[in-house]
Amino acid sequence: MEECVFCKIARKEIKADIAEESDNFIAFLDIHPKAEGHTLIIPKEHFVNLMDLPSDFASEMHDVIKNIAEKRLKEGAEGFNLISNNFAAAGQVVMHAHVHILPRKKGDGLSMIV
């Protein structure tokens, strides 16, 4: 079975615009952003969705989310959405656990029906 694109990004076999990296996570800009600064956070190890992610990763993931959100706020975002689609029925396309940080500005016209 061919490995997923996010595994290849985590191993740096595919180039990505990396925003932050920790021991277990990597954050990079989405190649099809819904807003400026749209960032994905993925575990470096392959887990299908957040249900598979070990609980002891939660604190580290939270720290990466906070760091990226703070960067986006300093860059001019007025808020952000944290989005995670889990399982195909919920819209998950890449079957590798991930969350989206979507920077927002008042009146940006984005719909949060995802």
PDB file of N, CA and C in Angstrom:
ATOM      1  N   MET A   1       0.842  -1.187   0.000  1.00  0.00           N
ATOM      2  CA  MET A   1       0.000   0.000   0.000  1.00  0.00           C
ATOM      3  C   MET A   1       0.884   1.247   0.000  1.00  0.00           C
ATOM      4  N   GLU A   2       0.551   2.209  -0.838  1.00  0.00           N
ATOM      5  CA  GLU A   2       1.315   3.447  -0.916  1.00  0.00           C
ATOM      6  C   GLU A   2       1.066   4.282   0.335  1.00  0.00           C
ATOM      7  N   GLU A   3       2.144   4.866   0.864  1.00  0.00           N
ATOM      8  CA  GLU A   3       1.996   5.677   2.067  1.00  0.00           C
ATOM      9  C   GLU A   3       1.305   6.996   1.751  1.00  0.00           C
ATOM     10  N   CYS A   4       0.701   7.567   2.731  1.00  0.00           N
ATOM     11  CA  CYS A   4      -0.059   8.799   2.533  1.00  0.00           C
ATOM     12  C   CYS A   4       0.865  10.002   2.351  1.00  0.00           C
ATOM     13  N   VAL A   5       0.307  11.036   1.761  1.00  0.00           N
ATOM     14  CA  VAL A   5       1.047  12.250   1.475  1.00  0.00           C
ATOM     15  C   VAL A   5       1.544  12.916   2.759  1.00  0.00           C
ATOM     16  N   PHE A   6       0.778  12.842   3.849  1.00  0.00           N
ATOM     17  CA  PHE A   6       1.210  13.478   5.088  1.00  0.00           C
ATOM     18  C   PHE A   6       2.409  12.757   5.705  1.00  0.00           C
ATOM     19  N   CYS A   7       2.480  11.444   5.561  1.00  0.00           N
ATOM     20  CA  CYS A   7       3.669  10.717   6.030  1.00  0.00           C
ATOM     21  C   CYS A   7       4.902  11.187   5.269  1.00  0.00           C
ATOM     22  N   LYS A   8       4.745  11.393   3.974  1.00  0.00           N
ATOM     23  CA  LYS A   8       5.860  11.852   3.146  1.00  0.00           C
ATOM     24  C   LYS A   8       6.276  13.270   3.513  1.00  0.00           C
ATOM     25  N   ILE A   9       5.326  14.120   3.845  1.00  0.00           N
ATOM     26  CA  ILE A   9       5.649  15.474   4.308  1.00  0.00           C
ATOM     27  C   ILE A   9       6.376  15.400   5.644  1.00  0.00           C
ATOM     28  N   ALA A  10       5.895  14.566   6.553  1.00  0.00           N
ATOM     29  CA  ALA A  10       6.524  14.434   7.874  1.00  0.00           C
ATOM     30  C   ALA A  10       7.976  13.963   7.760  1.00  0.00           C
ATOM     31  N   ARG A  11       8.246  13.099   6.770  1.00  0.00           N
ATOM     32  CA  ARG A  11       9.619  12.615   6.554  1.00  0.00           C
ATOM     33  C   ARG A  11      10.416  13.544   5.641  1.00  0.00           C
ATOM     34  N   LYS A  12       9.774  14.624   5.199  1.00  0.00           N
ATOM     35  CA  LYS A  12      10.377  15.632   4.329  1.00  0.00           C
ATOM     36  C   LYS A  12      10.776  15.075   2.967  1.00  0.00           C
ATOM     37  N   GLU A  13      10.007  14.090   2.525  1.00  0.00           N
ATOM     38  CA  GLU A  13      10.171  13.563   1.173  1.00  0.00           C
ATOM     39  C   GLU A  13       9.406  14.429   0.182  1.00  0.00           C
ATOM     40  N   ILE A  14       8.406  15.148   0.682  1.00  0.00           N
ATOM     41  CA  ILE A  14       7.643  16.117  -0.108  1.00  0.00           C
ATOM     42  C   ILE A  14       7.845  17.466   0.576  1.00  0.00           C
ATOM     43  N   LYS A  15       8.181  18.468  -0.234  1.00  0.00           N
ATOM     44  CA  LYS A  15       8.419  19.804   0.298  1.00  0.00           C
ATOM     45  C   LYS A  15       7.116  20.420   0.810  1.00  0.00           C
ATOM     46  N   ALA A  16       7.209  21.090   1.938  1.00  0.00           N
ATOM     47  CA  ALA A  16       6.078  21.818   2.506  1.00  0.00           C
ATOM     48  C   ALA A  16       6.622  23.075   3.169  1.00  0.00           C
ATOM     49  N   ASP A  17       5.780  24.086   3.269  1.00  0.00           N
ATOM     50  CA  ASP A  17       6.145  25.321   3.938  1.00  0.00           C
ATOM     51  C   ASP A  17       5.897  25.119   5.433  1.00  0.00           C
ATOM     52  N   ILE A  18       6.939  24.685   6.141  1.00  0.00           N
ATOM     53  CA  ILE A  18       6.818  24.302   7.549  1.00  0.00           C
ATOM     54  C   ILE A  18       6.735  25.543   8.437  1.00  0.00           C
ATOM     55  N   ALA A  19       5.700  25.573   9.262  1.00  0.00           N
ATOM     56  CA  ALA A  19       5.482  26.682  10.184  1.00  0.00           C
ATOM     57  C   ALA A  19       6.073  26.394  11.556  1.00  0.00           C
ATOM     58  N   GLU A  20       6.091  25.124  11.939  1.00  0.00           N
ATOM     59  CA  GLU A  20       6.621  24.728  13.247  1.00  0.00           C
ATOM     60  C   GLU A  20       6.800  23.218  13.261  1.00  0.00           C
ATOM     61  N   GLU A  21       7.731  22.784  14.101  1.00  0.00           N
ATOM     62  CA  GLU A  21       7.974  21.351  14.243  1.00  0.00           C
ATOM     63  C   GLU A  21       8.329  21.066  15.695  1.00  0.00           C
ATOM     64  N   SER A  22       7.798  19.964  16.202  1.00  0.00           N
ATOM     65  CA  SER A  22       8.126  19.514  17.554  1.00  0.00           C
ATOM     66  C   SER A  22       8.589  18.064  17.451  1.00  0.00           C
ATOM     67  N   ASP A  23       8.778  17.413  18.579  1.00  0.00           N
ATOM     68  CA  ASP A  23       9.230  16.022  18.561  1.00  0.00           C
ATOM     69  C   ASP A  23       8.274  15.113  17.787  1.00  0.00           C
ATOM     70  N   ASN A  24       6.983  15.306  17.993  1.00  0.00           N
ATOM     71  CA  ASN A  24       5.996  14.392  17.421  1.00  0.00           C
ATOM     72  C   ASN A  24       5.069  15.005  16.377  1.00  0.00           C
ATOM     73  N   PHE A  25       5.162  16.316  16.147  1.00  0.00           N
ATOM     74  CA  PHE A  25       4.235  16.996  15.243  1.00  0.00           C
ATOM     75  C   PHE A  25       4.963  17.913  14.280  1.00  0.00           C
ATOM     76  N   ILE A  26       4.315  18.151  13.170  1.00  0.00           N
ATOM     77  CA  ILE A  26       4.805  19.119  12.194  1.00  0.00           C
ATOM     78  C   ILE A  26       3.610  19.937  11.723  1.00  0.00           C
ATOM     79  N   ALA A  27       3.809  21.241  11.604  1.00  0.00           N
ATOM     80  CA  ALA A  27       2.760  22.154  11.144  1.00  0.00           C
ATOM     81  C   ALA A  27       3.241  22.799   9.848  1.00  0.00           C
ATOM     82  N   PHE A  28       2.353  22.842   8.857  1.00  0.00           N
ATOM     83  CA  PHE A  28       2.741  23.404   7.565  1.00  0.00           C
ATOM     84  C   PHE A  28       1.529  24.070   6.920  1.00  0.00           C
ATOM     85  N   LEU A  29       1.822  24.999   6.013  1.00  0.00           N
ATOM     86  CA  LEU A  29       0.759  25.718   5.334  1.00  0.00           C
ATOM     87  C   LEU A  29       0.027  24.800   4.358  1.00  0.00           C
ATOM     88  N   ASP A  30      -1.289  24.933   4.321  1.00  0.00           N
ATOM     89  CA  ASP A  30      -2.127  24.156   3.415  1.00  0.00           C
ATOM     90  C   ASP A  30      -1.845  24.590   1.972  1.00  0.00           C
ATOM     91  N   ILE A  31      -1.736  23.636   1.057  1.00  0.00           N
ATOM     92  CA  ILE A  31      -1.469  23.993  -0.342  1.00  0.00           C
ATOM     93  C   ILE A  31      -2.708  24.537  -1.056  1.00  0.00           C
ATOM     94  N   HIS A  32      -3.875  24.347  -0.466  1.00  0.00           N
ATOM     95  CA  HIS A  32      -5.119  24.911  -0.988  1.00  0.00           C
ATOM     96  C   HIS A  32      -5.804  25.682   0.144  1.00  0.00           C
ATOM     97  N   PRO A  33      -5.187  26.802   0.562  1.00  0.00           N
ATOM     98  CA  PRO A  33      -5.689  27.507   1.750  1.00  0.00           C
ATOM     99  C   PRO A  33      -7.078  28.111   1.563  1.00  0.00           C
ATOM    100  N   LYS A  34      -7.853  28.034   2.620  1.00  0.00           N
ATOM    101  CA  LYS A  34      -9.170  28.674   2.665  1.00  0.00           C
ATOM    102  C   LYS A  34      -9.044  30.123   3.128  1.00  0.00           C
ATOM    103  N   ALA A  35      -7.897  30.451   3.754  1.00  0.00           N
ATOM    104  CA  ALA A  35      -7.597  31.799   4.219  1.00  0.00           C
ATOM    105  C   ALA A  35      -6.074  31.905   4.332  1.00  0.00           C
ATOM    106  N   GLU A  36      -5.588  33.137   4.313  1.00  0.00           N
ATOM    107  CA  GLU A  36      -4.149  33.344   4.466  1.00  0.00           C
ATOM    108  C   GLU A  36      -3.689  32.783   5.810  1.00  0.00           C
ATOM    109  N   GLY A  37      -2.646  31.964   5.774  1.00  0.00           N
ATOM    110  CA  GLY A  37      -2.115  31.369   7.002  1.00  0.00           C
ATOM    111  C   GLY A  37      -2.753  30.048   7.384  1.00  0.00           C
ATOM    112  N   HIS A  38      -3.659  29.515   6.547  1.00  0.00           N
ATOM    113  CA  HIS A  38      -4.312  28.221   6.814  1.00  0.00           C
ATOM    114  C   HIS A  38      -3.220  27.171   7.023  1.00  0.00           C
ATOM    115  N   THR A  39      -3.204  26.585   8.198  1.00  0.00           N
ATOM    116  CA  THR A  39      -2.125  25.679   8.604  1.00  0.00           C
ATOM    117  C   THR A  39      -2.675  24.321   9.020  1.00  0.00           C
ATOM    118  N   LEU A  40      -1.962  23.272   8.635  1.00  0.00           N
ATOM    119  CA  LEU A  40      -2.285  21.906   9.055  1.00  0.00           C
ATOM    120  C   LEU A  40      -1.285  21.467  10.107  1.00  0.00           C
ATOM    121  N   ILE A  41      -1.763  20.752  11.102  1.00  0.00           N
ATOM    122  CA  ILE A  41      -0.892  20.166  12.131  1.00  0.00           C
ATOM    123  C   ILE A  41      -1.120  18.666  12.089  1.00  0.00           C
ATOM    124  N   ILE A  42      -0.024  17.928  11.903  1.00  0.00           N
ATOM    125  CA  ILE A  42      -0.118  16.470  11.800  1.00  0.00           C
ATOM    126  C   ILE A  42       0.878  15.815  12.747  1.00  0.00           C
ATOM    127  N   PRO A  43       0.551  14.623  13.240  1.00  0.00           N
ATOM    128  CA  PRO A  43       1.572  13.862  13.960  1.00  0.00           C
ATOM    129  C   PRO A  43       2.567  13.303  12.934  1.00  0.00           C
ATOM    130  N   LYS A  44       3.820  13.220  13.319  1.00  0.00           N
ATOM    131  CA  LYS A  44       4.826  12.668  12.408  1.00  0.00           C
ATOM    132  C   LYS A  44       4.596  11.177  12.169  1.00  0.00           C
ATOM    133  N   GLU A  45       4.103  10.509  13.177  1.00  0.00           N
ATOM    134  CA  GLU A  45       3.781   9.094  13.054  1.00  0.00           C
ATOM    135  C   GLU A  45       2.380   8.966  12.456  1.00  0.00           C
ATOM    136  N   HIS A  46       2.162   7.929  11.662  1.00  0.00           N
ATOM    137  CA  HIS A  46       0.865   7.761  11.011  1.00  0.00           C
ATOM    138  C   HIS A  46      -0.188   7.245  11.987  1.00  0.00           C
ATOM    139  N   PHE A  47      -1.234   8.029  12.135  1.00  0.00           N
ATOM    140  CA  PHE A  47      -2.458   7.646  12.837  1.00  0.00           C
ATOM    141  C   PHE A  47      -3.582   8.044  11.897  1.00  0.00           C
ATOM    142  N   VAL A  48      -4.590   7.222  11.752  1.00  0.00           N
ATOM    143  CA  VAL A  48      -5.639   7.481  10.765  1.00  0.00           C
ATOM    144  C   VAL A  48      -6.449   8.725  11.105  1.00  0.00           C
ATOM    145  N   ASN A  49      -6.826   8.891  12.354  1.00  0.00           N
ATOM    146  CA  ASN A  49      -7.591  10.071  12.762  1.00  0.00           C
ATOM    147  C   ASN A  49      -7.329  10.338  14.236  1.00  0.00           C
ATOM    148  N   LEU A  50      -7.993  11.338  14.784  1.00  0.00           N
ATOM    149  CA  LEU A  50      -7.726  11.710  16.175  1.00  0.00           C
ATOM    150  C   LEU A  50      -8.116  10.626  17.166  1.00  0.00           C
ATOM    151  N   MET A  51      -9.015   9.736  16.785  1.00  0.00           N
ATOM    152  CA  MET A  51      -9.390   8.624  17.664  1.00  0.00           C
ATOM    153  C   MET A  51      -8.203   7.671  17.894  1.00  0.00           C
ATOM    154  N   ASP A  52      -7.282   7.627  16.934  1.00  0.00           N
ATOM    155  CA  ASP A  52      -6.118   6.748  17.025  1.00  0.00           C
ATOM    156  C   ASP A  52      -4.926   7.394  17.715  1.00  0.00           C
ATOM    157  N   LEU A  53      -4.962   8.704  17.874  1.00  0.00           N
ATOM    158  CA  LEU A  53      -3.837   9.442  18.452  1.00  0.00           C
ATOM    159  C   LEU A  53      -3.709   9.124  19.935  1.00  0.00           C
ATOM    160  N   PRO A  54      -2.526   8.708  20.379  1.00  0.00           N
ATOM    161  CA  PRO A  54      -2.353   8.399  21.806  1.00  0.00           C
ATOM    162  C   PRO A  54      -2.624   9.620  22.690  1.00  0.00           C
ATOM    163  N   SER A  55      -3.225   9.392  23.811  1.00  0.00           N
ATOM    164  CA  SER A  55      -3.578  10.470  24.729  1.00  0.00           C
ATOM    165  C   SER A  55      -2.363  11.265  25.193  1.00  0.00           C
ATOM    166  N   ASP A  56      -1.216  10.604  25.318  1.00  0.00           N
ATOM    167  CA  ASP A  56      -0.035  11.322  25.807  1.00  0.00           C
ATOM    168  C   ASP A  56       0.517  12.311  24.774  1.00  0.00           C
ATOM    169  N   PHE A  57      -0.020  12.319  23.556  1.00  0.00           N
ATOM    170  CA  PHE A  57       0.370  13.303  22.550  1.00  0.00           C
ATOM    171  C   PHE A  57      -0.436  14.597  22.691  1.00  0.00           C
ATOM    172  N   ALA A  58      -1.513  14.555  23.435  1.00  0.00           N
ATOM    173  CA  ALA A  58      -2.471  15.669  23.486  1.00  0.00           C
ATOM    174  C   ALA A  58      -1.830  16.983  23.933  1.00  0.00           C
ATOM    175  N   SER A  59      -1.029  16.951  24.963  1.00  0.00           N
ATOM    176  CA  SER A  59      -0.421  18.174  25.481  1.00  0.00           C
ATOM    177  C   SER A  59       0.513  18.804  24.455  1.00  0.00           C
ATOM    178  N   GLU A  60       1.319  17.970  23.814  1.00  0.00           N
ATOM    179  CA  GLU A  60       2.245  18.483  22.802  1.00  0.00           C
ATOM    180  C   GLU A  60       1.476  19.064  21.608  1.00  0.00           C
ATOM    181  N   MET A  61       0.421  18.375  21.190  1.00  0.00           N
ATOM    182  CA  MET A  61      -0.385  18.870  20.078  1.00  0.00           C
ATOM    183  C   MET A  61      -1.029  20.206  20.437  1.00  0.00           C
ATOM    184  N   HIS A  62      -1.525  20.303  21.656  1.00  0.00           N
ATOM    185  CA  HIS A  62      -2.136  21.545  22.131  1.00  0.00           C
ATOM    186  C   HIS A  62      -1.129  22.687  22.096  1.00  0.00           C
ATOM    187  N   ASP A  63       0.110  22.430  22.500  1.00  0.00           N
ATOM    188  CA  ASP A  63       1.152  23.460  22.470  1.00  0.00           C
ATOM    189  C   ASP A  63       1.414  23.938  21.048  1.00  0.00           C
ATOM    190  N   VAL A  64       1.472  23.011  20.090  1.00  0.00           N
ATOM    191  CA  VAL A  64       1.691  23.392  18.692  1.00  0.00           C
ATOM    192  C   VAL A  64       0.509  24.215  18.185  1.00  0.00           C
ATOM    193  N   ILE A  65      -0.710  23.790  18.506  1.00  0.00           N
ATOM    194  CA  ILE A  65      -1.903  24.544  18.102  1.00  0.00           C
ATOM    195  C   ILE A  65      -1.835  25.970  18.646  1.00  0.00           C
ATOM    196  N   LYS A  66      -1.537  26.110  19.929  1.00  0.00           N
ATOM    197  CA  LYS A  66      -1.456  27.441  20.547  1.00  0.00           C
ATOM    198  C   LYS A  66      -0.373  28.300  19.892  1.00  0.00           C
ATOM    199  N   ASN A  67       0.792  27.711  19.639  1.00  0.00           N
ATOM    200  CA  ASN A  67       1.894  28.478  19.028  1.00  0.00           C
ATOM    201  C   ASN A  67       1.517  28.983  17.645  1.00  0.00           C
ATOM    202  N   ILE A  68       0.925  28.116  16.838  1.00  0.00           N
ATOM    203  CA  ILE A  68       0.528  28.521  15.487  1.00  0.00           C
ATOM    204  C   ILE A  68      -0.581  29.572  15.558  1.00  0.00           C
ATOM    205  N   ALA A  69      -1.564  29.366  16.397  1.00  0.00           N
ATOM    206  CA  ALA A  69      -2.658  30.340  16.536  1.00  0.00           C
ATOM    207  C   ALA A  69      -2.118  31.701  16.966  1.00  0.00           C
ATOM    208  N   GLU A  70      -1.195  31.714  17.918  1.00  0.00           N
ATOM    209  CA  GLU A  70      -0.600  32.979  18.364  1.00  0.00           C
ATOM    210  C   GLU A  70       0.149  33.673  17.226  1.00  0.00           C
ATOM    211  N   LYS A  71       0.876  32.896  16.410  1.00  0.00           N
ATOM    212  CA  LYS A  71       1.572  33.472  15.255  1.00  0.00           C
ATOM    213  C   LYS A  71       0.576  34.114  14.300  1.00  0.00           C
ATOM    214  N   ARG A  72      -0.516  33.422  14.008  1.00  0.00           N
ATOM    215  CA  ARG A  72      -1.501  33.936  13.058  1.00  0.00           C
ATOM    216  C   ARG A  72      -2.180  35.201  13.604  1.00  0.00           C
ATOM    217  N   LEU A  73      -2.432  35.234  14.905  1.00  0.00           N
ATOM    218  CA  LEU A  73      -3.021  36.432  15.516  1.00  0.00           C
ATOM    219  C   LEU A  73      -2.056  37.610  15.426  1.00  0.00           C
ATOM    220  N   LYS A  74      -0.771  37.369  15.644  1.00  0.00           N
ATOM    221  CA  LYS A  74       0.232  38.436  15.524  1.00  0.00           C
ATOM    222  C   LYS A  74       0.371  38.914  14.084  1.00  0.00           C
ATOM    223  N   GLU A  75       0.048  38.039  13.121  1.00  0.00           N
ATOM    224  CA  GLU A  75       0.129  38.388  11.698  1.00  0.00           C
ATOM    225  C   GLU A  75      -1.117  39.122  11.200  1.00  0.00           C
ATOM    226  N   GLY A  76      -2.103  39.302  12.073  1.00  0.00           N
ATOM    227  CA  GLY A  76      -3.275  40.076  11.685  1.00  0.00           C
ATOM    228  C   GLY A  76      -4.609  39.359  11.745  1.00  0.00           C
ATOM    229  N   ALA A  77      -4.598  38.053  11.993  1.00  0.00           N
ATOM    230  CA  ALA A  77      -5.874  37.355  12.165  1.00  0.00           C
ATOM    231  C   ALA A  77      -6.564  37.903  13.412  1.00  0.00           C
ATOM    232  N   GLU A  78      -7.889  37.918  13.379  1.00  0.00           N
ATOM    233  CA  GLU A  78      -8.662  38.398  14.523  1.00  0.00           C
ATOM    234  C   GLU A  78      -9.228  37.252  15.348  1.00  0.00           C
ATOM    235  N   GLY A  79      -9.104  36.058  14.825  1.00  0.00           N
ATOM    236  CA  GLY A  79      -9.589  34.851  15.484  1.00  0.00           C
ATOM    237  C   GLY A  79      -9.167  33.663  14.638  1.00  0.00           C
ATOM    238  N   PHE A  80      -9.626  32.484  15.015  1.00  0.00           N
ATOM    239  CA  PHE A  80      -9.302  31.298  14.224  1.00  0.00           C
ATOM    240  C   PHE A  80     -10.308  30.197  14.505  1.00  0.00           C
ATOM    241  N   ASN A  81     -10.452  29.317  13.532  1.00  0.00           N
ATOM    242  CA  ASN A  81     -11.225  28.094  13.717  1.00  0.00           C
ATOM    243  C   ASN A  81     -10.242  26.943  13.795  1.00  0.00           C
ATOM    244  N   LEU A  82     -10.526  25.998  14.647  1.00  0.00           N
ATOM    245  CA  LEU A  82      -9.768  24.760  14.761  1.00  0.00           C
ATOM    246  C   LEU A  82     -10.685  23.665  14.247  1.00  0.00           C
ATOM    247  N   ILE A  83     -10.268  23.020  13.161  1.00  0.00           N
ATOM    248  CA  ILE A  83     -11.142  22.070  12.470  1.00  0.00           C
ATOM    249  C   ILE A  83     -10.453  20.722  12.348  1.00  0.00           C
ATOM    250  N   SER A  84     -11.196  19.654  12.628  1.00  0.00           N
ATOM    251  CA  SER A  84     -10.692  18.303  12.429  1.00  0.00           C
ATOM    252  C   SER A  84     -11.818  17.437  11.887  1.00  0.00           C
ATOM    253  N   ASN A  85     -11.624  16.938  10.684  1.00  0.00           N
ATOM    254  CA  ASN A  85     -12.587  16.024  10.074  1.00  0.00           C
ATOM    255  C   ASN A  85     -12.092  14.607  10.339  1.00  0.00           C
ATOM    256  N   ASN A  86     -12.909  13.786  10.957  1.00  0.00           N
ATOM    257  CA  ASN A  86     -12.505  12.429  11.315  1.00  0.00           C
ATOM    258  C   ASN A  86     -13.462  11.429  10.689  1.00  0.00           C
ATOM    259  N   PHE A  87     -12.916  10.541   9.893  1.00  0.00           N
ATOM    260  CA  PHE A  87     -13.621   9.533   9.099  1.00  0.00           C
ATOM    261  C   PHE A  87     -14.206  10.175   7.839  1.00  0.00           C
ATOM    262  N   ALA A  88     -14.351   9.383   6.800  1.00  0.00           N
ATOM    263  CA  ALA A  88     -14.820   9.862   5.500  1.00  0.00           C
ATOM    264  C   ALA A  88     -16.188  10.539   5.589  1.00  0.00           C
ATOM    265  N   ALA A  89     -17.083  10.021   6.402  1.00  0.00           N
ATOM    266  CA  ALA A  89     -18.423  10.594   6.513  1.00  0.00           C
ATOM    267  C   ALA A  89     -18.398  12.031   7.030  1.00  0.00           C
ATOM    268  N   ALA A  90     -17.323  12.396   7.730  1.00  0.00           N
ATOM    269  CA  ALA A  90     -17.178  13.750   8.262  1.00  0.00           C
ATOM    270  C   ALA A  90     -16.328  14.638   7.355  1.00  0.00           C
ATOM    271  N   GLY A  91     -15.934  14.106   6.202  1.00  0.00           N
ATOM    272  CA  GLY A  91     -15.175  14.904   5.247  1.00  0.00           C
ATOM    273  C   GLY A  91     -13.673  14.695   5.272  1.00  0.00           C
ATOM    274  N   GLN A  92     -13.189  13.717   6.029  1.00  0.00           N
ATOM    275  CA  GLN A  92     -11.748  13.453   6.041  1.00  0.00           C
ATOM    276  C   GLN A  92     -11.337  12.897   4.684  1.00  0.00           C
ATOM    277  N   VAL A  93     -10.386  13.555   4.030  1.00  0.00           N
ATOM    278  CA  VAL A  93      -9.916  13.135   2.717  1.00  0.00           C
ATOM    279  C   VAL A  93      -8.583  12.407   2.829  1.00  0.00           C
ATOM    280  N   VAL A  94      -7.642  12.985   3.571  1.00  0.00           N
ATOM    281  CA  VAL A  94      -6.354  12.337   3.806  1.00  0.00           C
ATOM    282  C   VAL A  94      -6.481  11.547   5.104  1.00  0.00           C
ATOM    283  N   MET A  95      -6.304  10.253   5.015  1.00  0.00           N
ATOM    284  CA  MET A  95      -6.505   9.381   6.174  1.00  0.00           C
ATOM    285  C   MET A  95      -5.260   9.326   7.058  1.00  0.00           C
ATOM    286  N   HIS A  96      -4.894  10.495   7.527  1.00  0.00           N
ATOM    287  CA  HIS A  96      -3.794  10.704   8.472  1.00  0.00           C
ATOM    288  C   HIS A  96      -4.311  11.783   9.414  1.00  0.00           C
ATOM    289  N   ALA A  97      -4.262  11.533  10.702  1.00  0.00           N
ATOM    290  CA  ALA A  97      -4.796  12.482  11.683  1.00  0.00           C
ATOM    291  C   ALA A  97      -4.237  13.883  11.437  1.00  0.00           C
ATOM    292  N   HIS A  98      -5.108  14.877  11.486  1.00  0.00           N
ATOM    293  CA  HIS A  98      -4.657  16.255  11.322  1.00  0.00           C
ATOM    294  C   HIS A  98      -5.736  17.225  11.788  1.00  0.00           C
ATOM    295  N   VAL A  99      -5.287  18.427  12.103  1.00  0.00           N
ATOM    296  CA  VAL A  99      -6.194  19.524  12.424  1.00  0.00           C
ATOM    297  C   VAL A  99      -5.816  20.714  11.544  1.00  0.00           C
ATOM    298  N   HIS A 100      -6.815  21.518  11.241  1.00  0.00           N
ATOM    299  CA  HIS A 100      -6.630  22.746  10.473  1.00  0.00           C
ATOM    300  C   HIS A 100      -6.749  23.922  11.428  1.00  0.00           C
ATOM    301  N   ILE A 101      -5.851  24.879  11.305  1.00  0.00           N
ATOM    302  CA  ILE A 101      -6.031  26.173  11.943  1.00  0.00           C
ATOM    303  C   ILE A 101      -6.359  27.133  10.811  1.00  0.00           C
ATOM    304  N   LEU A 102      -7.551  27.689  10.879  1.00  0.00           N
ATOM    305  CA  LEU A 102      -8.029  28.582   9.842  1.00  0.00           C
ATOM    306  C   LEU A 102      -8.129  29.996  10.413  1.00  0.00           C
ATOM    307  N   PRO A 103      -7.160  30.861  10.110  1.00  0.00           N
ATOM    308  CA  PRO A 103      -7.208  32.239  10.603  1.00  0.00           C
ATOM    309  C   PRO A 103      -8.430  32.959  10.060  1.00  0.00           C
ATOM    310  N   ARG A 104      -9.034  33.795  10.890  1.00  0.00           N
ATOM    311  CA  ARG A 104     -10.260  34.491  10.505  1.00  0.00           C
ATOM    312  C   ARG A 104     -10.141  35.986  10.766  1.00  0.00           C
ATOM    313  N   LYS A 105     -10.883  36.725   9.956  1.00  0.00           N
ATOM    314  CA  LYS A 105     -11.062  38.155  10.152  1.00  0.00           C
ATOM    315  C   LYS A 105     -12.548  38.441  10.069  1.00  0.00           C
ATOM    316  N   LYS A 106     -12.991  39.393  10.829  1.00  0.00           N
ATOM    317  CA  LYS A 106     -14.398  39.783  10.815  1.00  0.00           C
ATOM    318  C   LYS A 106     -14.814  40.137   9.386  1.00  0.00           C
ATOM    319  N   GLY A 107     -15.914  39.542   8.927  1.00  0.00           N
ATOM    320  CA  GLY A 107     -16.432  39.815   7.607  1.00  0.00           C
ATOM    321  C   GLY A 107     -15.646  39.167   6.471  1.00  0.00           C
ATOM    322  N   ASP A 108     -14.874  38.129   6.760  1.00  0.00           N
ATOM    323  CA  ASP A 108     -14.065  37.490   5.705  1.00  0.00           C
ATOM    324  C   ASP A 108     -14.900  36.665   4.729  1.00  0.00           C
ATOM    325  N   GLY A 109     -16.175  36.437   5.042  1.00  0.00           N
ATOM    326  CA  GLY A 109     -17.048  35.742   4.114  1.00  0.00           C
ATOM    327  C   GLY A 109     -16.911  34.234   4.123  1.00  0.00           C
ATOM    328  N   LEU A 110     -16.051  33.693   4.963  1.00  0.00           N
ATOM    329  CA  LEU A 110     -15.883  32.240   5.020  1.00  0.00           C
ATOM    330  C   LEU A 110     -17.060  31.613   5.749  1.00  0.00           C
ATOM    331  N   SER A 111     -17.507  30.484   5.238  1.00  0.00           N
ATOM    332  CA  SER A 111     -18.574  29.727   5.888  1.00  0.00           C
ATOM    333  C   SER A 111     -17.939  28.614   6.688  1.00  0.00           C
ATOM    334  N   MET A 112     -18.414  28.366   7.875  1.00  0.00           N
ATOM    335  CA  MET A 112     -17.839  27.326   8.708  1.00  0.00           C
ATOM    336  C   MET A 112     -18.574  26.007   8.572  1.00  0.00           C
ATOM    337  N   ILE A 113     -19.304  25.849   7.500  1.00  0.00           N
ATOM    338  CA  ILE A 113     -19.876  24.546   7.209  1.00  0.00           C
ATOM    339  C   ILE A 113     -18.794  23.780   6.481  1.00  0.00           C
ATOM    340  N   VAL A 114     -18.134  22.872   7.213  1.00  0.00           N
ATOM    341  CA  VAL A 114     -16.990  22.137   6.641  1.00  0.00           C
ATOM    342  C   VAL A 114     -17.261  20.661   6.617  1.00  0.00           C
TER     343      VAL A 114
END
